[in-house]
Protein backbone atom coordinates (compact mmCIF):
# COMPACT_ATOMS: atom_id res chain seq x y z
CA MET A 1 -65.19 53.61 104.22
CA GLU A 2 -67.35 50.84 104.64
CA GLU A 3 -69.77 51.68 101.84
CA ARG A 4 -66.55 51.48 99.73
CA GLU A 5 -65.36 48.12 100.79
CA GLU A 6 -69.07 46.75 99.92
CA ARG A 7 -69.00 47.68 96.64
CA HIS A 8 -65.83 47.09 96.26
CA VAL A 9 -66.62 43.26 97.20
CA ALA A 10 -69.43 43.24 95.26
CA ASP A 11 -67.84 43.84 91.87
CA GLY A 12 -65.42 41.16 92.51
CA HIS A 13 -62.34 43.23 91.75
CA TYR A 14 -59.27 43.18 93.98
CA LYS A 15 -56.69 44.75 91.50
CA ASP A 16 -55.84 47.60 94.59
CA LYS A 17 -55.22 44.54 96.62
CA TRP A 18 -53.01 42.49 94.62
CA ASN A 19 -51.07 45.49 94.35
CA LEU A 20 -50.64 45.61 97.93
CA ILE A 21 -49.66 42.01 97.99
CA LEU A 22 -47.42 42.24 95.61
CA SER A 23 -45.76 45.37 96.92
CA GLU A 24 -42.21 45.18 97.71
CA LYS A 25 -42.83 46.56 101.71
CA ARG A 26 -39.69 44.06 103.67
CA THR A 27 -39.31 44.20 106.94
CA CYS A 28 -36.97 46.52 107.13
CA GLU A 29 -36.55 49.47 105.09
CA LYS A 30 -33.35 48.66 103.66
CA GLY A 31 -30.51 45.46 104.12
CA GLU A 32 -27.34 45.31 103.45
CA MET A 33 -28.13 41.94 102.10
CA THR A 34 -30.78 43.69 99.91
CA ASP A 35 -30.05 45.27 96.93
CA PRO A 36 -33.21 45.08 93.89
CA ASP A 37 -32.28 46.21 91.27
CA GLY A 38 -35.77 47.48 90.57
CA GLY A 39 -37.20 44.20 88.76
CA ASN A 40 -38.95 41.20 90.62
CA PRO A 41 -38.48 41.73 94.36
CA PHE A 42 -39.07 38.11 95.05
CA GLU A 43 -36.66 36.72 92.66
CA ASP A 44 -34.05 38.40 94.84
CA ASP A 45 -35.65 37.05 97.73
CA TYR A 46 -35.49 33.23 95.75
CA GLY A 47 -31.59 33.66 95.07
CA ARG A 48 -30.74 34.67 98.80
CA LEU A 49 -32.80 32.04 100.34
CA ILE A 50 -31.52 29.21 97.76
CA THR A 51 -27.80 29.79 98.70
CA SER A 52 -28.21 30.20 102.53
CA ALA A 53 -27.06 27.74 105.27
CA PRO A 54 -30.56 27.04 107.22
CA VAL A 55 -31.63 25.34 103.24
CA ARG A 56 -29.42 23.75 103.18
CA ARG A 57 -29.71 21.95 106.12
CA LEU A 58 -33.04 20.65 104.98
CA GLN A 59 -30.84 18.31 103.37
CA ASN A 60 -31.09 15.30 105.78
CA LYS A 61 -34.30 16.17 107.45
CA THR A 62 -37.08 13.48 107.31
CA GLN A 63 -40.48 14.15 105.00
CA ILE A 64 -41.37 11.02 106.49
CA PHE A 65 -38.79 8.04 106.30
CA PRO A 66 -36.01 9.29 108.69
CA LEU A 67 -32.73 8.46 108.77
CA GLU A 68 -33.30 6.46 105.41
CA ARG A 69 -29.77 6.33 103.46
CA SER A 70 -31.43 5.77 99.67
CA THR A 71 -30.96 8.51 97.78
CA TYR A 72 -33.79 8.22 95.95
CA ILE A 73 -36.03 8.94 99.23
CA ARG A 74 -36.92 12.48 99.26
CA THR A 75 -35.91 14.83 102.27
CA ARG A 76 -37.20 18.22 103.68
CA LEU A 77 -35.26 19.45 100.85
CA THR A 78 -36.29 17.47 97.93
CA HIS A 79 -40.16 17.81 99.23
CA SER A 80 -39.19 21.86 99.53
CA LEU A 81 -37.96 22.07 95.73
CA GLU A 82 -40.98 20.27 94.64
CA VAL A 83 -43.42 22.67 96.88
CA SER A 84 -41.67 25.61 95.08
CA TYR A 85 -42.20 24.25 91.77
CA ILE A 86 -46.03 23.18 92.44
CA ALA A 87 -46.77 26.49 94.26
CA GLY A 88 -45.03 28.18 91.32
CA LEU A 89 -47.43 26.61 88.70
CA LEU A 90 -50.76 27.52 90.96
CA GLY A 91 -49.20 31.17 90.92
CA GLN A 92 -48.74 31.29 86.63
CA LYS A 93 -52.49 29.74 86.34
CA VAL A 94 -54.16 31.91 88.97
CA GLU A 95 -51.88 35.58 87.01
CA LEU A 96 -54.02 33.94 83.86
CA PHE A 97 -57.46 33.88 86.21
CA LEU A 98 -56.75 37.89 87.59
CA ARG A 99 -55.31 38.98 84.00
CA GLU A 100 -58.90 37.86 82.71
CA ARG A 101 -60.57 39.81 85.71
CA GLY A 102 -58.52 42.86 85.23
CA ASP A 103 -57.21 42.29 89.11
CA MET A 104 -53.37 41.81 87.87
CA PRO A 105 -51.68 44.77 88.66
CA GLU A 106 -49.24 46.46 85.89
CA GLY A 107 -45.93 45.78 86.32
CA LYS A 108 -46.18 43.05 87.81
CA SER A 109 -46.20 39.57 85.43
CA GLY A 110 -44.41 36.78 86.92
CA TRP A 111 -44.52 38.38 90.24
CA LEU A 112 -47.11 36.08 92.00
CA CYS A 113 -45.25 32.86 90.53
CA SER A 114 -42.16 34.23 91.94
CA LEU A 115 -43.30 35.03 95.50
CA LEU A 116 -45.23 31.22 96.21
CA ARG A 117 -41.89 29.91 94.70
CA THR A 118 -39.85 31.42 96.73
CA ALA A 119 -42.07 30.65 100.08
CA GLY A 120 -42.32 26.92 98.66
CA LEU A 121 -38.80 27.02 98.91
CA VAL A 122 -38.44 27.96 103.12
CA HIS A 123 -42.62 26.56 103.64
CA ASP A 124 -40.64 23.90 106.01
CA MET A 125 -37.58 25.94 107.14
CA GLY A 126 -37.90 25.49 110.63
CA ASN A 127 -38.84 21.55 110.89
CA PRO A 128 -36.56 19.50 112.98
CA PRO A 129 -35.02 16.57 113.06
CA PHE A 130 -37.37 13.73 112.34
CA GLY A 131 -40.23 15.69 110.98
CA HIS A 132 -43.92 15.80 112.62
CA PHE A 133 -42.35 12.56 115.33
CA GLY A 134 -39.46 15.12 116.37
CA GLU A 135 -41.50 18.00 116.74
CA GLU A 136 -43.92 15.77 119.18
CA ALA A 137 -40.96 15.22 120.69
CA VAL A 138 -39.71 18.94 121.81
CA LYS A 139 -44.01 19.00 122.96
CA ASP A 140 -43.91 16.19 124.68
CA PHE A 141 -40.67 17.43 126.60
CA PHE A 142 -41.74 21.14 127.52
CA ARG A 143 -45.09 20.15 128.50
CA THR A 144 -43.13 17.73 131.20
CA TYR A 145 -40.68 20.15 132.35
CA LEU A 146 -42.24 22.89 133.01
CA LYS A 147 -45.05 21.00 134.42
CA ASN A 148 -43.62 21.49 137.79
CA ASP A 149 -41.86 24.89 136.84
CA ALA A 150 -43.04 27.59 134.58
CA GLN A 151 -41.77 30.44 137.07
CA GLY A 152 -40.93 33.21 134.76
CA LEU A 153 -42.71 32.58 131.84
CA SER A 154 -46.43 33.94 131.11
CA ASP A 155 -49.14 31.58 129.53
CA LEU A 156 -48.93 32.98 126.17
CA GLU A 157 -44.68 32.53 126.16
CA ARG A 158 -45.24 28.71 127.93
CA ALA A 159 -47.65 27.75 125.46
CA ASP A 160 -45.06 29.28 122.52
CA LEU A 161 -43.00 25.84 124.09
CA GLU A 162 -45.17 23.41 124.91
CA ASN A 163 -46.80 23.83 120.89
CA PHE A 164 -43.84 23.68 119.80
CA ASP A 165 -44.92 23.75 115.15
CA GLY A 166 -42.07 24.06 112.67
CA ASN A 167 -43.88 26.16 110.45
CA VAL A 168 -43.71 28.74 113.25
CA GLN A 169 -40.13 27.93 113.82
CA SER A 170 -39.75 28.83 110.02
CA PHE A 171 -41.17 32.58 110.29
CA ARG A 172 -39.08 32.67 113.68
CA ILE A 173 -35.57 31.99 111.06
CA LEU A 174 -36.87 33.67 108.16
CA THR A 175 -37.33 36.97 110.02
CA LYS A 176 -34.63 37.13 112.82
CA LEU A 177 -32.60 34.01 113.47
CA HIS A 178 -30.18 34.46 109.52
CA TYR A 179 -27.56 36.52 110.96
CA LEU A 180 -24.41 37.71 108.79
CA GLY A 181 -23.06 41.07 109.58
CA ASP A 182 -26.82 42.44 108.97
CA ALA A 183 -29.01 42.56 111.68
CA ALA A 184 -32.37 43.04 108.93
CA GLY A 185 -30.68 39.31 107.66
CA TYR A 186 -32.86 37.84 105.11
CA ASN A 187 -35.13 41.00 105.17
CA LEU A 188 -37.64 39.36 103.26
CA ASN A 189 -40.92 41.08 101.53
CA TYR A 190 -44.25 40.56 103.83
CA SER A 191 -46.30 38.67 101.54
CA THR A 192 -43.40 36.53 101.44
CA LEU A 193 -43.69 36.07 105.03
CA ALA A 194 -47.45 36.19 105.02
CA ALA A 195 -48.15 33.36 102.44
CA LEU A 196 -46.04 30.73 105.35
CA ILE A 197 -48.92 31.63 107.91
CA LYS A 198 -51.58 29.29 107.74
CA TYR A 199 -52.78 30.97 111.05
CA PRO A 200 -52.68 34.37 111.55
CA CYS A 201 -52.70 33.91 115.46
CA ASN A 202 -50.80 33.11 118.54
CA ALA A 203 -50.16 30.02 120.59
CA LEU A 204 -53.29 31.08 123.04
CA GLU A 205 -55.77 32.22 120.40
CA GLY A 206 -54.82 29.16 118.58
CA ASN A 207 -54.56 25.11 118.86
CA LEU A 208 -57.91 24.30 118.97
CA GLY A 209 -58.04 21.73 116.23
CA ALA A 210 -60.99 20.44 115.37
CA SER A 211 -63.06 22.54 118.34
CA THR A 212 -62.95 25.71 116.10
CA LYS A 213 -64.79 26.19 112.33
CA GLU A 214 -61.97 29.06 111.72
CA ILE A 215 -59.53 27.93 109.68
CA ALA A 216 -57.29 30.34 111.39
CA HIS A 217 -57.17 29.29 114.87
CA LYS A 218 -56.95 25.66 114.01
CA LYS A 219 -52.74 25.44 115.26
CA PHE A 220 -50.78 29.08 115.46
CA GLY A 221 -48.92 31.05 112.98
CA TYR A 222 -46.17 32.86 115.33
CA PHE A 223 -44.16 32.76 119.06
CA ALA A 224 -44.56 35.65 121.21
CA SER A 225 -40.89 36.42 120.87
CA GLU A 226 -42.01 37.44 116.93
CA ALA A 227 -45.21 39.14 117.75
CA ASN A 228 -44.36 42.91 117.20
CA LEU A 229 -42.91 41.59 113.38
CA PHE A 230 -46.05 39.83 112.74
CA GLN A 231 -48.10 42.16 113.65
CA ALA A 232 -46.75 45.25 111.89
CA LEU A 233 -47.46 43.02 108.69
CA SER A 234 -50.84 41.83 109.18
CA ASP A 235 -51.52 45.52 109.65
CA TYR A 236 -49.67 46.47 106.16
CA LEU A 237 -51.18 43.75 104.62
CA GLN A 238 -54.67 44.48 106.08
CA MET A 239 -54.97 40.74 107.37
CA GLN A 240 -57.29 42.01 110.25
CA GLY A 241 -56.82 38.08 111.14
CA ARG A 242 -57.77 36.39 108.61
CA ARG A 243 -55.40 34.39 106.48
CA CYS A 244 -53.51 36.36 103.37
CA PRO A 245 -54.86 34.68 100.05
CA LEU A 246 -51.38 33.32 99.87
CA ALA A 247 -51.19 31.07 102.29
CA TYR A 248 -53.93 29.24 100.86
CA LEU A 249 -52.20 28.19 98.11
CA LEU A 250 -48.99 27.37 99.50
CA GLU A 251 -50.33 25.12 101.07
CA ALA A 252 -52.92 23.86 98.06
CA ALA A 253 -48.98 23.66 97.23
CA ASP A 254 -47.90 21.20 99.82
CA ASP A 255 -50.62 19.31 100.32
CA ILE A 256 -49.84 17.97 96.55
CA ALA A 257 -46.17 17.97 96.60
CA TYR A 258 -46.34 15.30 99.95
CA CYS A 259 -49.04 13.21 99.53
CA THR A 260 -48.47 12.20 96.26
CA SER A 261 -44.45 11.58 96.49
CA ASP A 262 -44.63 10.38 100.20
CA LEU A 263 -46.25 7.44 98.03
CA GLU A 264 -44.10 7.11 95.44
CA ASP A 265 -41.34 6.78 98.27
CA GLY A 266 -43.47 3.52 100.24
CA VAL A 267 -43.32 1.84 97.12
CA LYS A 268 -39.41 1.74 97.03
CA LEU A 269 -39.02 1.25 99.95
CA GLY A 270 -42.30 -2.18 100.35
CA ALA A 271 -44.22 0.25 102.92
CA VAL A 272 -47.06 0.24 100.40
CA ARG A 273 -47.75 -1.76 97.07
CA VAL A 274 -49.19 -0.80 93.78
CA ASN A 275 -51.87 -2.78 93.68
CA GLN A 276 -52.78 -1.57 97.15
CA ILE A 277 -52.65 1.92 95.56
CA TYR A 278 -55.38 0.96 92.75
CA GLU A 279 -57.42 -1.25 95.08
CA PHE A 280 -57.84 1.68 97.97
CA PHE A 281 -59.17 4.09 94.83
CA ASP A 282 -61.79 1.67 93.36
CA GLN A 283 -63.12 0.81 96.94
CA GLU A 284 -62.75 4.39 98.57
CA LEU A 285 -63.67 6.76 95.83
CA THR A 286 -66.71 8.01 95.55
CA GLU A 287 -66.35 11.59 93.14
CA TYR A 288 -65.23 10.69 89.88
CA HIS A 289 -64.70 7.29 90.09
CA ASP A 290 -64.82 5.98 86.97
CA TYR A 291 -62.52 8.79 85.66
CA VAL A 292 -59.75 8.33 87.44
CA MET A 293 -60.56 4.40 87.48
CA ASN A 294 -59.97 4.46 84.01
CA ASN A 295 -57.34 6.42 83.48
CA LEU A 296 -55.54 4.26 86.06
CA ASP A 297 -56.34 1.39 84.48
CA GLY A 298 -55.06 3.11 81.73
CA ILE A 299 -51.93 3.36 82.84
CA LEU A 300 -51.10 -0.41 84.54
CA GLU A 301 -52.27 -1.27 81.19
CA LYS A 302 -49.44 0.61 79.06
CA TYR A 303 -46.58 -0.24 81.56
CA LYS A 304 -47.59 -3.76 82.99
CA ASN A 305 -44.63 -5.28 80.80
CA GLU A 306 -41.68 -2.77 81.90
CA GLY A 307 -39.87 -5.96 84.83
CA LYS A 308 -38.51 -5.40 87.57
CA LEU A 309 -38.78 -1.35 86.54
CA LYS A 310 -42.48 -1.99 86.25
CA ASP A 311 -43.11 -0.56 90.32
CA ALA A 312 -41.63 2.40 90.01
CA ILE A 313 -42.62 3.28 86.62
CA LEU A 314 -46.30 2.57 87.54
CA THR A 315 -45.80 4.86 90.38
CA GLN A 316 -44.42 7.80 89.15
CA ASN A 317 -47.08 7.75 86.13
CA ILE A 318 -49.76 7.45 89.13
CA CYS A 319 -48.70 10.06 91.01
CA THR A 320 -48.36 12.98 88.03
CA PHE A 321 -51.61 11.61 87.18
CA LEU A 322 -52.81 12.92 90.40
CA GLN A 323 -50.75 15.46 91.12
CA ARG A 324 -52.39 16.74 87.75
CA GLU A 325 -55.88 17.00 88.76
CA MET A 326 -55.35 18.11 91.89
CA ILE A 327 -53.81 21.22 90.82
CA SER A 328 -55.95 21.46 87.67
CA ALA A 329 -59.17 21.30 91.44
CA THR A 330 -57.09 24.18 93.16
CA VAL A 331 -57.31 26.24 91.02
CA ARG A 332 -60.72 26.31 89.73
CA CYS A 333 -61.61 26.25 93.20
CA PHE A 334 -59.15 29.21 93.56
CA VAL A 335 -61.94 30.96 91.44
CA GLU A 336 -65.24 29.49 92.82
CA ASN A 337 -63.90 30.72 95.95
CA TYR A 338 -62.47 33.87 95.06
CA ASP A 339 -64.35 36.18 97.04
CA SER A 340 -64.09 34.52 100.13
CA ILE A 341 -60.65 33.42 99.63
CA MET A 342 -59.79 37.19 99.04
CA ARG A 343 -61.67 37.79 102.75
CA GLY A 344 -59.79 34.99 104.26
CA THR A 345 -63.35 33.81 105.24
CA LEU A 346 -62.82 30.27 103.60
CA GLU A 347 -62.92 28.01 106.39
CA HIS A 348 -61.69 25.13 104.50
CA GLU A 349 -58.28 24.13 102.80
CA LEU A 350 -58.75 24.78 98.88
CA LEU A 351 -57.89 21.00 98.28
CA GLU A 352 -60.59 19.83 100.84
CA VAL A 353 -63.18 21.12 99.41
CA SER A 354 -62.20 21.21 95.41
CA ALA A 355 -63.21 18.68 93.09
CA ALA A 356 -60.19 16.13 93.97
CA GLY A 357 -60.32 16.38 97.04
CA ASP A 358 -61.76 12.65 97.73
CA ILE A 359 -58.86 11.78 95.12
CA ARG A 360 -56.63 13.38 98.78
CA LYS A 361 -58.90 11.12 100.63
CA VAL A 362 -57.78 8.79 99.58
CA LEU A 363 -53.81 9.25 99.15
CA ARG A 364 -54.86 10.08 103.15
CA GLN A 365 -55.51 7.12 103.77
CA LEU A 366 -52.90 5.18 102.05
CA GLN A 367 -50.43 7.16 104.10
CA LEU A 368 -51.95 6.14 107.10
CA GLN A 369 -50.32 2.82 105.49
CA MET A 370 -46.81 4.31 105.51
CA PHE A 371 -47.67 5.84 108.56
CA ARG A 372 -47.17 2.17 110.60
CA TYR A 373 -44.86 1.01 108.49
CA LYS A 374 -42.10 -0.98 111.23
CA ALA A 375 -39.09 0.37 109.93
CA LYS A 376 -39.93 3.99 110.23
CA GLU A 377 -41.20 3.66 113.37
CA LYS A 378 -38.16 2.32 114.81
CA LYS A 379 -36.26 5.00 114.00
CA GLU A 380 -38.19 7.61 114.68
CA LEU A 381 -38.72 6.36 118.23
CA ALA A 382 -34.63 6.26 118.43
CA GLY A 383 -35.24 9.86 117.54
CA TRP A 384 -37.76 11.03 120.43
CA GLU A 385 -34.85 9.11 122.45
CA ALA A 386 -32.10 11.64 121.19
CA MET A 387 -34.45 14.78 120.82
CA HIS A 388 -35.55 14.45 124.80
CA SER A 389 -32.17 13.12 125.97
CA LEU A 390 -30.37 16.35 124.16
CA LEU A 391 -33.39 18.80 125.39
CA GLY A 392 -33.36 17.54 129.07
CA ILE A 393 -28.95 18.60 128.81
CA PHE A 394 -28.92 21.75 126.90
CA VAL A 395 -32.21 23.20 128.65
CA ARG A 396 -31.11 22.42 132.66
CA CYS A 397 -27.53 23.52 131.70
CA CYS A 398 -28.23 27.01 130.13
CA GLU A 399 -30.93 27.00 132.66
CA GLU A 400 -28.32 27.82 134.94
CA GLU A 401 -28.63 31.34 137.25
CA HIS A 402 -25.05 32.24 136.33
CA LEU A 403 -23.57 30.56 133.42
CA ASP A 404 -20.20 31.69 133.50
CA THR A 405 -19.68 30.68 129.22
CA THR A 406 -15.63 30.92 130.06
CA ALA A 407 -15.29 28.43 133.07
CA ASN A 408 -14.17 25.01 132.90
CA THR A 409 -17.71 23.47 134.39
CA TYR A 410 -19.95 21.00 132.46
CA ALA A 411 -22.71 23.87 131.77
CA ALA A 412 -20.37 26.08 130.04
CA HIS A 413 -19.23 23.08 128.02
CA ILE A 414 -22.20 22.48 126.96
CA TYR A 415 -23.61 25.99 126.43
CA ASN A 416 -20.38 26.30 123.64
CA ILE A 417 -21.36 23.77 121.68
CA ILE A 418 -24.78 25.67 120.25
CA SER A 419 -23.79 27.29 117.16
CA ALA A 420 -22.16 30.39 117.36
CA ASN A 421 -24.96 32.40 115.26
CA PHE A 422 -27.37 30.94 117.73
CA ARG A 423 -25.63 31.93 120.87
CA GLN A 424 -25.19 35.74 119.21
CA ASN A 425 -28.85 36.62 118.33
CA TYR A 426 -28.89 35.49 122.14
CA GLU A 427 -26.25 37.58 124.12
CA THR A 428 -27.07 40.47 121.55
CA LEU A 429 -29.52 41.08 119.31
CA GLU A 430 -32.64 39.41 120.43
CA THR A 431 -34.66 42.14 122.24
CA TYR A 432 -37.75 39.57 123.76
CA PRO A 433 -37.83 41.08 127.02
CA ASN A 434 -37.75 37.51 129.13
CA ASP A 435 -34.87 36.01 129.50
CA ARG A 436 -35.69 32.59 131.13
CA TYR A 437 -37.55 32.32 127.55
CA ASN A 438 -35.04 33.56 125.52
CA ARG A 439 -32.44 31.31 126.62
CA LEU A 440 -34.96 28.26 126.09
CA ARG A 441 -35.97 29.37 122.63
CA MET A 442 -31.97 29.33 121.93
CA VAL A 443 -31.51 25.75 123.05
CA VAL A 444 -34.58 25.13 120.44
CA ASP A 445 -33.22 27.08 118.15
CA PHE A 446 -29.98 24.79 117.96
CA LEU A 447 -31.99 21.47 118.46
CA THR A 448 -34.29 21.93 116.15
CA SER A 449 -31.83 22.72 113.62
CA LEU A 450 -29.63 19.91 113.42
CA ASN A 451 -30.81 17.42 110.79
CA ASP A 452 -31.47 13.79 111.75
CA ARG A 453 -28.23 12.45 111.49
CA ASP A 454 -26.25 14.92 113.34
CA ALA A 455 -29.13 15.15 116.66
CA ILE A 456 -28.15 10.55 117.16
CA ASP A 457 -24.38 11.58 116.23
CA LEU A 458 -24.54 14.86 118.73
CA PHE A 459 -26.82 12.81 120.86
CA LYS A 460 -24.10 9.61 121.05
CA GLU A 461 -21.32 12.23 121.15
CA LEU A 462 -22.77 12.96 124.68
CA LYS A 463 -23.57 9.88 125.98
CA GLY A 464 -20.08 8.52 125.81
CA ALA A 465 -20.70 6.41 123.22
CA THR A 466 -18.62 7.73 120.75
CA VAL A 467 -15.14 9.63 121.26
């Protein structure tokens, strides 16, 4: 077996592996909501996902600028649609490469594009209100709350709560929390789920950050409550503790989308100026400096007389150029590192080690300018206060030893505010054996499902600011 595997890798042919990745294996053999017609199974997934409530809830969740009323500025939903498009485009280009190598399975034309398009749509489904700052608020709350009372929780369960991550929550939502009369829920293909898991390890094995050279352990990919499901898909796809090749492509699509779209939104809101973009690239870019600057010069010259629309047109054209360069570089990097990607041993992000890595580095520096935008920071602080307060209220009430949900008590009122689908999951569907952990998970499930505005409104209502 080992000798055969070595020959297979040496030949550079991975047709069997791609046949496995593009298989129709799902979390359950059959679900009432899943009725594939024998065609592209990933299009079936896409259709069920895009019409679902968790996707709609992304509409008013922060991408980078919280509580922004302008419909021009991106939310998690519009960002996810852009990631979906770019991921599908990468899938198309990679499929052409696989065809040339003879690695593309017969009868599955277009499946890779559909798979990545579907994964891109839901990659941020688990993000809490107020984006990454909301994640930090959840982590901070539990690190404080459990510091003096972690009784009844294992180290792993505690680590799940203290290292809450929106991407990990996405896996939980997609595999467990969507219940509409069918216990199989979305019943997604294993490969769609594997594309979302950038860090195939639990909260104790992962979260090592810069201290590890193994990219799979920098963060984590699944909660203890979904460990069995992760293990099942990992075994089926033969991941062996490594990333699925699809994760590299989806990660690149996400990176390409947000680093350029954030820049466009930043200019619209005045958090960064167009001339700063030009100056940053001129001063900081080392690789392909002349090529990039010549293109930026051409864009500036072409649209220099656009009047009031000049900044918007310039920024959009600059971002389109940068996106195109990063997409092309990502595909070339995938081809150049094909063997290590297929084995899951590439310990870097594709975009980071591509020819466009320097472009991405400059864009990160520009993002720091926007992260320090005062109007953004004030709204994030308001979100932090809201999330901390709501977690305190709901956690303490739901942790009551004998919670009588029919009683006329404060705790019962709070419990009944939790959306019925999350209570249903906790009360009748959850099979994980630790009740305290399950109660805390239920609270996190509910509060992180709220969009920014709903979280602020609920906070005000429970504090008596609005009645």
